Amino acid sequence: MIGGLLTGIATSPWMRAALRYGAIALAVLLFLLSLQRSGERAGRLAERLETKEKANDVQRQMLEAAARRPRDRNELAQRLRDGRF
């Protein structure tokens, strides 16, 4: 009896339309949630990239400073006498 009642309700035109619109609404909701998660992931990736760029900049500055340092004591003394250090 109950099975026949559910089958009758599910096959009524208004119920089919309601199920169709419900499925469409669910698909749109899932799509929007997916977009939100993608945006959050993109934001985290942008933060990581910015952090990595800062670290690379610091490393580059350190390498440049190391390349400019005096090679030996005589060069250091010469720089000090010339006032370049």
PDB file of N, CA and C in Angstrom:
ATOM      1  N   MET A   1       0.827  -1.196   0.000  1.00  0.00           N
ATOM      2  CA  MET A   1       0.000   0.000   0.000  1.00  0.00           C
ATOM      3  C   MET A   1       0.872   1.261   0.000  1.00  0.00           C
ATOM      4  N   ILE A   2       1.841   1.305   0.889  1.00  0.00           N
ATOM      5  CA  ILE A   2       2.701   2.482   0.963  1.00  0.00           C
ATOM      6  C   ILE A   2       3.545   2.581  -0.305  1.00  0.00           C
ATOM      7  N   GLY A   3       4.077   1.457  -0.810  1.00  0.00           N
ATOM      8  CA  GLY A   3       4.871   1.462  -2.038  1.00  0.00           C
ATOM      9  C   GLY A   3       4.072   2.015  -3.200  1.00  0.00           C
ATOM     10  N   GLY A   4       2.809   1.655  -3.285  1.00  0.00           N
ATOM     11  CA  GLY A   4       1.967   2.165  -4.366  1.00  0.00           C
ATOM     12  C   GLY A   4       1.715   3.655  -4.208  1.00  0.00           C
ATOM     13  N   LEU A   5       1.593   4.113  -2.971  1.00  0.00           N
ATOM     14  CA  LEU A   5       1.367   5.532  -2.720  1.00  0.00           C
ATOM     15  C   LEU A   5       2.599   6.354  -3.109  1.00  0.00           C
ATOM     16  N   LEU A   6       3.808   5.860  -2.738  1.00  0.00           N
ATOM     17  CA  LEU A   6       5.033   6.566  -3.097  1.00  0.00           C
ATOM     18  C   LEU A   6       5.242   6.573  -4.607  1.00  0.00           C
ATOM     19  N   THR A   7       4.936   5.479  -5.260  1.00  0.00           N
ATOM     20  CA  THR A   7       5.081   5.423  -6.714  1.00  0.00           C
ATOM     21  C   THR A   7       4.118   6.401  -7.366  1.00  0.00           C
ATOM     22  N   GLY A   8       2.927   6.500  -6.832  1.00  0.00           N
ATOM     23  CA  GLY A   8       1.946   7.436  -7.384  1.00  0.00           C
ATOM     24  C   GLY A   8       2.374   8.877  -7.188  1.00  0.00           C
ATOM     25  N   ILE A   9       2.943   9.191  -6.045  1.00  0.00           N
ATOM     26  CA  ILE A   9       3.402  10.558  -5.779  1.00  0.00           C
ATOM     27  C   ILE A   9       4.603  10.891  -6.660  1.00  0.00           C
ATOM     28  N   ALA A  10       5.538   9.946  -6.792  1.00  0.00           N
ATOM     29  CA  ALA A  10       6.758  10.188  -7.555  1.00  0.00           C
ATOM     30  C   ALA A  10       6.468  10.335  -9.040  1.00  0.00           C
ATOM     31  N   THR A  11       5.368   9.744  -9.513  1.00  0.00           N
ATOM     32  CA  THR A  11       5.064   9.833 -10.939  1.00  0.00           C
ATOM     33  C   THR A  11       4.125  10.978 -11.258  1.00  0.00           C
ATOM     34  N   SER A  12       3.670  11.710 -10.254  1.00  0.00           N
ATOM     35  CA  SER A  12       2.784  12.838 -10.550  1.00  0.00           C
ATOM     36  C   SER A  12       3.605  13.942 -11.218  1.00  0.00           C
ATOM     37  N   PRO A  13       3.028  14.700 -12.127  1.00  0.00           N
ATOM     38  CA  PRO A  13       3.787  15.713 -12.880  1.00  0.00           C
ATOM     39  C   PRO A  13       4.399  16.792 -11.996  1.00  0.00           C
ATOM     40  N   TRP A  14       3.671  17.233 -10.971  1.00  0.00           N
ATOM     41  CA  TRP A  14       4.227  18.287 -10.123  1.00  0.00           C
ATOM     42  C   TRP A  14       5.393  17.781  -9.298  1.00  0.00           C
ATOM     43  N   MET A  15       5.354  16.490  -8.909  1.00  0.00           N
ATOM     44  CA  MET A  15       6.461  15.927  -8.136  1.00  0.00           C
ATOM     45  C   MET A  15       7.700  15.762  -9.008  1.00  0.00           C
ATOM     46  N   ARG A  16       7.507  15.346 -10.262  1.00  0.00           N
ATOM     47  CA  ARG A  16       8.640  15.226 -11.173  1.00  0.00           C
ATOM     48  C   ARG A  16       9.275  16.593 -11.417  1.00  0.00           C
ATOM     49  N   ALA A  17       8.447  17.618 -11.559  1.00  0.00           N
ATOM     50  CA  ALA A  17       8.967  18.975 -11.763  1.00  0.00           C
ATOM     51  C   ALA A  17       9.732  19.437 -10.520  1.00  0.00           C
ATOM     52  N   ALA A  18       9.186  19.148  -9.347  1.00  0.00           N
ATOM     53  CA  ALA A  18       9.852  19.530  -8.098  1.00  0.00           C
ATOM     54  C   ALA A  18      11.197  18.815  -7.971  1.00  0.00           C
ATOM     55  N   LEU A  19      11.238  17.537  -8.304  1.00  0.00           N
ATOM     56  CA  LEU A  19      12.498  16.787  -8.248  1.00  0.00           C
ATOM     57  C   LEU A  19      13.507  17.334  -9.260  1.00  0.00           C
ATOM     58  N   ARG A  20      13.021  17.690 -10.446  1.00  0.00           N
ATOM     59  CA  ARG A  20      13.903  18.239 -11.469  1.00  0.00           C
ATOM     60  C   ARG A  20      14.514  19.558 -10.994  1.00  0.00           C
ATOM     61  N   TYR A  21      13.662  20.462 -10.475  1.00  0.00           N
ATOM     62  CA  TYR A  21      14.167  21.750  -9.996  1.00  0.00           C
ATOM     63  C   TYR A  21      15.066  21.576  -8.772  1.00  0.00           C
ATOM     64  N   GLY A  22      14.744  20.616  -7.943  1.00  0.00           N
ATOM     65  CA  GLY A  22      15.597  20.333  -6.786  1.00  0.00           C
ATOM     66  C   GLY A  22      16.971  19.837  -7.224  1.00  0.00           C
ATOM     67  N   ALA A  23      16.994  18.991  -8.242  1.00  0.00           N
ATOM     68  CA  ALA A  23      18.276  18.487  -8.749  1.00  0.00           C
ATOM     69  C   ALA A  23      19.085  19.630  -9.365  1.00  0.00           C
ATOM     70  N   ILE A  24      18.415  20.534 -10.073  1.00  0.00           N
ATOM     71  CA  ILE A  24      19.115  21.677 -10.667  1.00  0.00           C
ATOM     72  C   ILE A  24      19.672  22.568  -9.566  1.00  0.00           C
ATOM     73  N   ALA A  25      18.865  22.832  -8.538  1.00  0.00           N
ATOM     74  CA  ALA A  25      19.320  23.674  -7.430  1.00  0.00           C
ATOM     75  C   ALA A  25      20.508  23.025  -6.721  1.00  0.00           C
ATOM     76  N   LEU A  26      20.471  21.716  -6.545  1.00  0.00           N
ATOM     77  CA  LEU A  26      21.579  21.007  -5.908  1.00  0.00           C
ATOM     78  C   LEU A  26      22.844  21.103  -6.761  1.00  0.00           C
ATOM     79  N   ALA A  27      22.704  20.955  -8.074  1.00  0.00           N
ATOM     80  CA  ALA A  27      23.866  21.052  -8.962  1.00  0.00           C
ATOM     81  C   ALA A  27      24.475  22.456  -8.898  1.00  0.00           C
ATOM     82  N   VAL A  28      23.641  23.488  -8.884  1.00  0.00           N
ATOM     83  CA  VAL A  28      24.139  24.863  -8.794  1.00  0.00           C
ATOM     84  C   VAL A  28      24.841  25.082  -7.459  1.00  0.00           C
ATOM     85  N   LEU A  29      24.263  24.592  -6.378  1.00  0.00           N
ATOM     86  CA  LEU A  29      24.867  24.730  -5.056  1.00  0.00           C
ATOM     87  C   LEU A  29      26.229  24.050  -4.995  1.00  0.00           C
ATOM     88  N   LEU A  30      26.305  22.834  -5.524  1.00  0.00           N
ATOM     89  CA  LEU A  30      27.586  22.118  -5.527  1.00  0.00           C
ATOM     90  C   LEU A  30      28.625  22.844  -6.381  1.00  0.00           C
ATOM     91  N   PHE A  31      28.184  23.422  -7.499  1.00  0.00           N
ATOM     92  CA  PHE A  31      29.093  24.185  -8.350  1.00  0.00           C
ATOM     93  C   PHE A  31      29.631  25.402  -7.605  1.00  0.00           C
ATOM     94  N   LEU A  32      28.764  26.125  -6.900  1.00  0.00           N
ATOM     95  CA  LEU A  32      29.189  27.310  -6.157  1.00  0.00           C
ATOM     96  C   LEU A  32      30.145  26.947  -5.025  1.00  0.00           C
ATOM     97  N   LEU A  33      29.864  25.843  -4.334  1.00  0.00           N
ATOM     98  CA  LEU A  33      30.775  25.385  -3.282  1.00  0.00           C
ATOM     99  C   LEU A  33      32.135  25.014  -3.866  1.00  0.00           C
ATOM    100  N   SER A  34      32.119  24.407  -5.033  1.00  0.00           N
ATOM    101  CA  SER A  34      33.372  24.055  -5.701  1.00  0.00           C
ATOM    102  C   SER A  34      34.151  25.315  -6.070  1.00  0.00           C
ATOM    103  N   LEU A  35      33.464  26.343  -6.554  1.00  0.00           N
ATOM    104  CA  LEU A  35      34.128  27.607  -6.869  1.00  0.00           C
ATOM    105  C   LEU A  35      34.740  28.237  -5.627  1.00  0.00           C
ATOM    106  N   GLN A  36      34.017  28.182  -4.526  1.00  0.00           N
ATOM    107  CA  GLN A  36      34.527  28.761  -3.287  1.00  0.00           C
ATOM    108  C   GLN A  36      35.797  28.044  -2.852  1.00  0.00           C
ATOM    109  N   ARG A  37      35.773  26.719  -2.904  1.00  0.00           N
ATOM    110  CA  ARG A  37      36.960  25.952  -2.507  1.00  0.00           C
ATOM    111  C   ARG A  37      38.122  26.238  -3.440  1.00  0.00           C
ATOM    112  N   SER A  38      37.842  26.383  -4.736  1.00  0.00           N
ATOM    113  CA  SER A  38      38.905  26.692  -5.686  1.00  0.00           C
ATOM    114  C   SER A  38      39.509  28.062  -5.391  1.00  0.00           C
ATOM    115  N   GLY A  39      38.656  29.014  -5.042  1.00  0.00           N
ATOM    116  CA  GLY A  39      39.141  30.351  -4.697  1.00  0.00           C
ATOM    117  C   GLY A  39      40.001  30.325  -3.450  1.00  0.00           C
ATOM    118  N   GLU A  40      39.593  29.548  -2.463  1.00  0.00           N
ATOM    119  CA  GLU A  40      40.387  29.438  -1.241  1.00  0.00           C
ATOM    120  C   GLU A  40      41.742  28.808  -1.538  1.00  0.00           C
ATOM    121  N   ARG A  41      41.739  27.767  -2.376  1.00  0.00           N
ATOM    122  CA  ARG A  41      42.998  27.120  -2.748  1.00  0.00           C
ATOM    123  C   ARG A  41      43.901  28.077  -3.505  1.00  0.00           C
ATOM    124  N   ALA A  42      43.308  28.850  -4.424  1.00  0.00           N
ATOM    125  CA  ALA A  42      44.107  29.819  -5.185  1.00  0.00           C
ATOM    126  C   ALA A  42      44.702  30.869  -4.252  1.00  0.00           C
ATOM    127  N   GLY A  43      43.942  31.289  -3.240  1.00  0.00           N
ATOM    128  CA  GLY A  43      44.450  32.258  -2.276  1.00  0.00           C
ATOM    129  C   GLY A  43      45.621  31.710  -1.488  1.00  0.00           C
ATOM    130  N   ARG A  44      45.506  30.453  -1.062  1.00  0.00           N
ATOM    131  CA  ARG A  44      46.618  29.830  -0.326  1.00  0.00           C
ATOM    132  C   ARG A  44      47.850  29.680  -1.215  1.00  0.00           C
ATOM    133  N   LEU A  45      47.637  29.316  -2.473  1.00  0.00           N
ATOM    134  CA  LEU A  45      48.765  29.182  -3.385  1.00  0.00           C
ATOM    135  C   LEU A  45      49.434  30.531  -3.636  1.00  0.00           C
ATOM    136  N   ALA A  46      48.633  31.584  -3.734  1.00  0.00           N
ATOM    137  CA  ALA A  46      49.197  32.930  -3.930  1.00  0.00           C
ATOM    138  C   ALA A  46      50.030  33.338  -2.717  1.00  0.00           C
ATOM    139  N   GLU A  47      49.557  33.009  -1.517  1.00  0.00           N
ATOM    140  CA  GLU A  47      50.320  33.323  -0.303  1.00  0.00           C
ATOM    141  C   GLU A  47      51.642  32.567  -0.289  1.00  0.00           C
ATOM    142  N   ARG A  48      51.601  31.284  -0.668  1.00  0.00           N
ATOM    143  CA  ARG A  48      52.836  30.491  -0.712  1.00  0.00           C
ATOM    144  C   ARG A  48      53.817  31.059  -1.727  1.00  0.00           C
ATOM    145  N   LEU A  49      53.298  31.451  -2.888  1.00  0.00           N
ATOM    146  CA  LEU A  49      54.160  32.014  -3.920  1.00  0.00           C
ATOM    147  C   LEU A  49      54.800  33.313  -3.438  1.00  0.00           C
ATOM    148  N   GLU A  50      54.027  34.151  -2.771  1.00  0.00           N
ATOM    149  CA  GLU A  50      54.565  35.408  -2.252  1.00  0.00           C
ATOM    150  C   GLU A  50      55.655  35.139  -1.211  1.00  0.00           C
ATOM    151  N   THR A  51      55.424  34.180  -0.330  1.00  0.00           N
ATOM    152  CA  THR A  51      56.418  33.829   0.686  1.00  0.00           C
ATOM    153  C   THR A  51      57.689  33.301   0.036  1.00  0.00           C
ATOM    154  N   LYS A  52      57.511  32.458  -0.978  1.00  0.00           N
ATOM    155  CA  LYS A  52      58.671  31.898  -1.672  1.00  0.00           C
ATOM    156  C   LYS A  52      59.450  32.989  -2.395  1.00  0.00           C
ATOM    157  N   GLU A  53      58.744  33.942  -2.997  1.00  0.00           N
ATOM    158  CA  GLU A  53      59.427  35.047  -3.684  1.00  0.00           C
ATOM    159  C   GLU A  53      60.228  35.893  -2.690  1.00  0.00           C
ATOM    160  N   LYS A  54      59.676  36.130  -1.504  1.00  0.00           N
ATOM    161  CA  LYS A  54      60.408  36.885  -0.481  1.00  0.00           C
ATOM    162  C   LYS A  54      61.666  36.135  -0.063  1.00  0.00           C
ATOM    163  N   ALA A  55      61.542  34.819   0.140  1.00  0.00           N
ATOM    164  CA  ALA A  55      62.701  34.013   0.535  1.00  0.00           C
ATOM    165  C   ALA A  55      63.756  34.029  -0.570  1.00  0.00           C
ATOM    166  N   ASN A  56      63.320  33.931  -1.821  1.00  0.00           N
ATOM    167  CA  ASN A  56      64.270  33.971  -2.934  1.00  0.00           C
ATOM    168  C   ASN A  56      64.971  35.324  -3.003  1.00  0.00           C
ATOM    169  N   ASP A  57      64.236  36.400  -2.733  1.00  0.00           N
ATOM    170  CA  ASP A  57      64.830  37.738  -2.749  1.00  0.00           C
ATOM    171  C   ASP A  57      65.895  37.869  -1.664  1.00  0.00           C
ATOM    172  N   VAL A  58      65.592  37.350  -0.473  1.00  0.00           N
ATOM    173  CA  VAL A  58      66.567  37.399   0.624  1.00  0.00           C
ATOM    174  C   VAL A  58      67.812  36.586   0.260  1.00  0.00           C
ATOM    175  N   GLN A  59      67.606  35.413  -0.321  1.00  0.00           N
ATOM    176  CA  GLN A  59      68.759  34.583  -0.713  1.00  0.00           C
ATOM    177  C   GLN A  59      69.598  35.284  -1.781  1.00  0.00           C
ATOM    178  N   ARG A  60      68.930  35.935  -2.734  1.00  0.00           N
ATOM    179  CA  ARG A  60      69.655  36.658  -3.776  1.00  0.00           C
ATOM    180  C   ARG A  60      70.492  37.781  -3.165  1.00  0.00           C
ATOM    181  N   GLN A  61      69.913  38.520  -2.221  1.00  0.00           N
ATOM    182  CA  GLN A  61      70.653  39.596  -1.552  1.00  0.00           C
ATOM    183  C   GLN A  61      71.854  39.042  -0.790  1.00  0.00           C
ATOM    184  N   MET A  62      71.677  37.894  -0.145  1.00  0.00           N
ATOM    185  CA  MET A  62      72.795  37.284   0.588  1.00  0.00           C
ATOM    186  C   MET A  62      73.907  36.868  -0.366  1.00  0.00           C
ATOM    187  N   LEU A  63      73.533  36.292  -1.525  1.00  0.00           N
ATOM    188  CA  LEU A  63      74.550  35.891  -2.492  1.00  0.00           C
ATOM    189  C   LEU A  63      75.281  37.102  -3.061  1.00  0.00           C
ATOM    190  N   GLU A  64      74.546  38.175  -3.315  1.00  0.00           N
ATOM    191  CA  GLU A  64      75.183  39.389  -3.824  1.00  0.00           C
ATOM    192  C   GLU A  64      76.147  39.968  -2.787  1.00  0.00           C
ATOM    193  N   ALA A  65      75.736  39.953  -1.518  1.00  0.00           N
ATOM    194  CA  ALA A  65      76.613  40.454  -0.455  1.00  0.00           C
ATOM    195  C   ALA A  65      77.861  39.587  -0.332  1.00  0.00           C
ATOM    196  N   ALA A  66      77.683  38.275  -0.463  1.00  0.00           N
ATOM    197  CA  ALA A  66      78.837  37.377  -0.377  1.00  0.00           C
ATOM    198  C   ALA A  66      79.784  37.603  -1.540  1.00  0.00           C
ATOM    199  N   ALA A  67      79.234  37.924  -2.707  1.00  0.00           N
ATOM    200  CA  ALA A  67      80.089  38.152  -3.880  1.00  0.00           C
ATOM    201  C   ALA A  67      80.872  39.459  -3.741  1.00  0.00           C
ATOM    202  N   ARG A  68      80.345  40.419  -2.991  1.00  0.00           N
ATOM    203  CA  ARG A  68      81.014  41.713  -2.826  1.00  0.00           C
ATOM    204  C   ARG A  68      82.029  41.721  -1.690  1.00  0.00           C
ATOM    205  N   ARG A  69      82.049  40.695  -0.866  1.00  0.00           N
ATOM    206  CA  ARG A  69      82.931  40.731   0.297  1.00  0.00           C
ATOM    207  C   ARG A  69      84.390  40.605  -0.128  1.00  0.00           C
ATOM    208  N   PRO A  70      85.257  41.162   0.657  1.00  0.00           N
ATOM    209  CA  PRO A  70      86.690  41.107   0.314  1.00  0.00           C
ATOM    210  C   PRO A  70      87.191  39.671   0.290  1.00  0.00           C
ATOM    211  N   ARG A  71      88.060  39.384  -0.677  1.00  0.00           N
ATOM    212  CA  ARG A  71      88.571  38.019  -0.816  1.00  0.00           C
ATOM    213  C   ARG A  71      89.626  37.678   0.225  1.00  0.00           C
ATOM    214  N   ASP A  72      90.403  38.665   0.621  1.00  0.00           N
ATOM    215  CA  ASP A  72      91.451  38.388   1.609  1.00  0.00           C
ATOM    216  C   ASP A  72      91.678  39.637   2.471  1.00  0.00           C
ATOM    217  N   ARG A  73      92.654  39.516   3.389  1.00  0.00           N
ATOM    218  CA  ARG A  73      92.915  40.600   4.327  1.00  0.00           C
ATOM    219  C   ARG A  73      93.467  41.841   3.620  1.00  0.00           C
ATOM    220  N   ASN A  74      94.267  41.635   2.600  1.00  0.00           N
ATOM    221  CA  ASN A  74      94.852  42.767   1.881  1.00  0.00           C
ATOM    222  C   ASN A  74      93.774  43.584   1.165  1.00  0.00           C
ATOM    223  N   GLU A  75      92.842  42.906   0.544  1.00  0.00           N
ATOM    224  CA  GLU A  75      91.760  43.622  -0.138  1.00  0.00           C
ATOM    225  C   GLU A  75      90.898  44.378   0.874  1.00  0.00           C
ATOM    226  N   LEU A  76      90.667  43.779   2.025  1.00  0.00           N
ATOM    227  CA  LEU A  76      89.905  44.455   3.075  1.00  0.00           C
ATOM    228  C   LEU A  76      90.647  45.713   3.533  1.00  0.00           C
ATOM    229  N   ALA A  77      91.947  45.581   3.747  1.00  0.00           N
ATOM    230  CA  ALA A  77      92.738  46.732   4.182  1.00  0.00           C
ATOM    231  C   ALA A  77      92.714  47.840   3.127  1.00  0.00           C
ATOM    232  N   GLN A  78      92.804  47.463   1.864  1.00  0.00           N
ATOM    233  CA  GLN A  78      92.771  48.447   0.781  1.00  0.00           C
ATOM    234  C   GLN A  78      91.422  49.164   0.742  1.00  0.00           C
ATOM    235  N   ARG A  79      90.367  48.441   0.909  1.00  0.00           N
ATOM    236  CA  ARG A  79      89.027  49.058   0.934  1.00  0.00           C
ATOM    237  C   ARG A  79      88.895  50.038   2.103  1.00  0.00           C
ATOM    238  N   LEU A  80      89.410  49.636   3.240  1.00  0.00           N
ATOM    239  CA  LEU A  80      89.336  50.508   4.409  1.00  0.00           C
ATOM    240  C   LEU A  80      90.145  51.787   4.185  1.00  0.00           C
ATOM    241  N   ARG A  81      91.321  51.654   3.578  1.00  0.00           N
ATOM    242  CA  ARG A  81      92.137  52.847   3.288  1.00  0.00           C
ATOM    243  C   ARG A  81      91.444  53.754   2.288  1.00  0.00           C
ATOM    244  N   ASP A  82      90.772  53.176   1.294  1.00  0.00           N
ATOM    245  CA  ASP A  82      90.082  53.960   0.274  1.00  0.00           C
ATOM    246  C   ASP A  82      88.732  54.486   0.745  1.00  0.00           C
ATOM    247  N   GLY A  83      88.248  54.005   1.873  1.00  0.00           N
ATOM    248  CA  GLY A  83      86.944  54.432   2.389  1.00  0.00           C
ATOM    249  C   GLY A  83      85.772  53.832   1.634  1.00  0.00           C
ATOM    250  N   ARG A  84      85.987  52.705   0.986  1.00  0.00           N
ATOM    251  CA  ARG A  84      84.909  52.066   0.227  1.00  0.00           C
ATOM    252  C   ARG A  84      84.178  51.013   1.039  1.00  0.00           C
ATOM    253  N   PHE A  85      84.552  50.788   2.237  1.00  0.00           N
ATOM    254  CA  PHE A  85      83.942  49.673   2.990  1.00  0.00           C
ATOM    255  C   PHE A  85      83.114  50.182   4.129  1.00  0.00           C
TER     256      PHE A  85
END
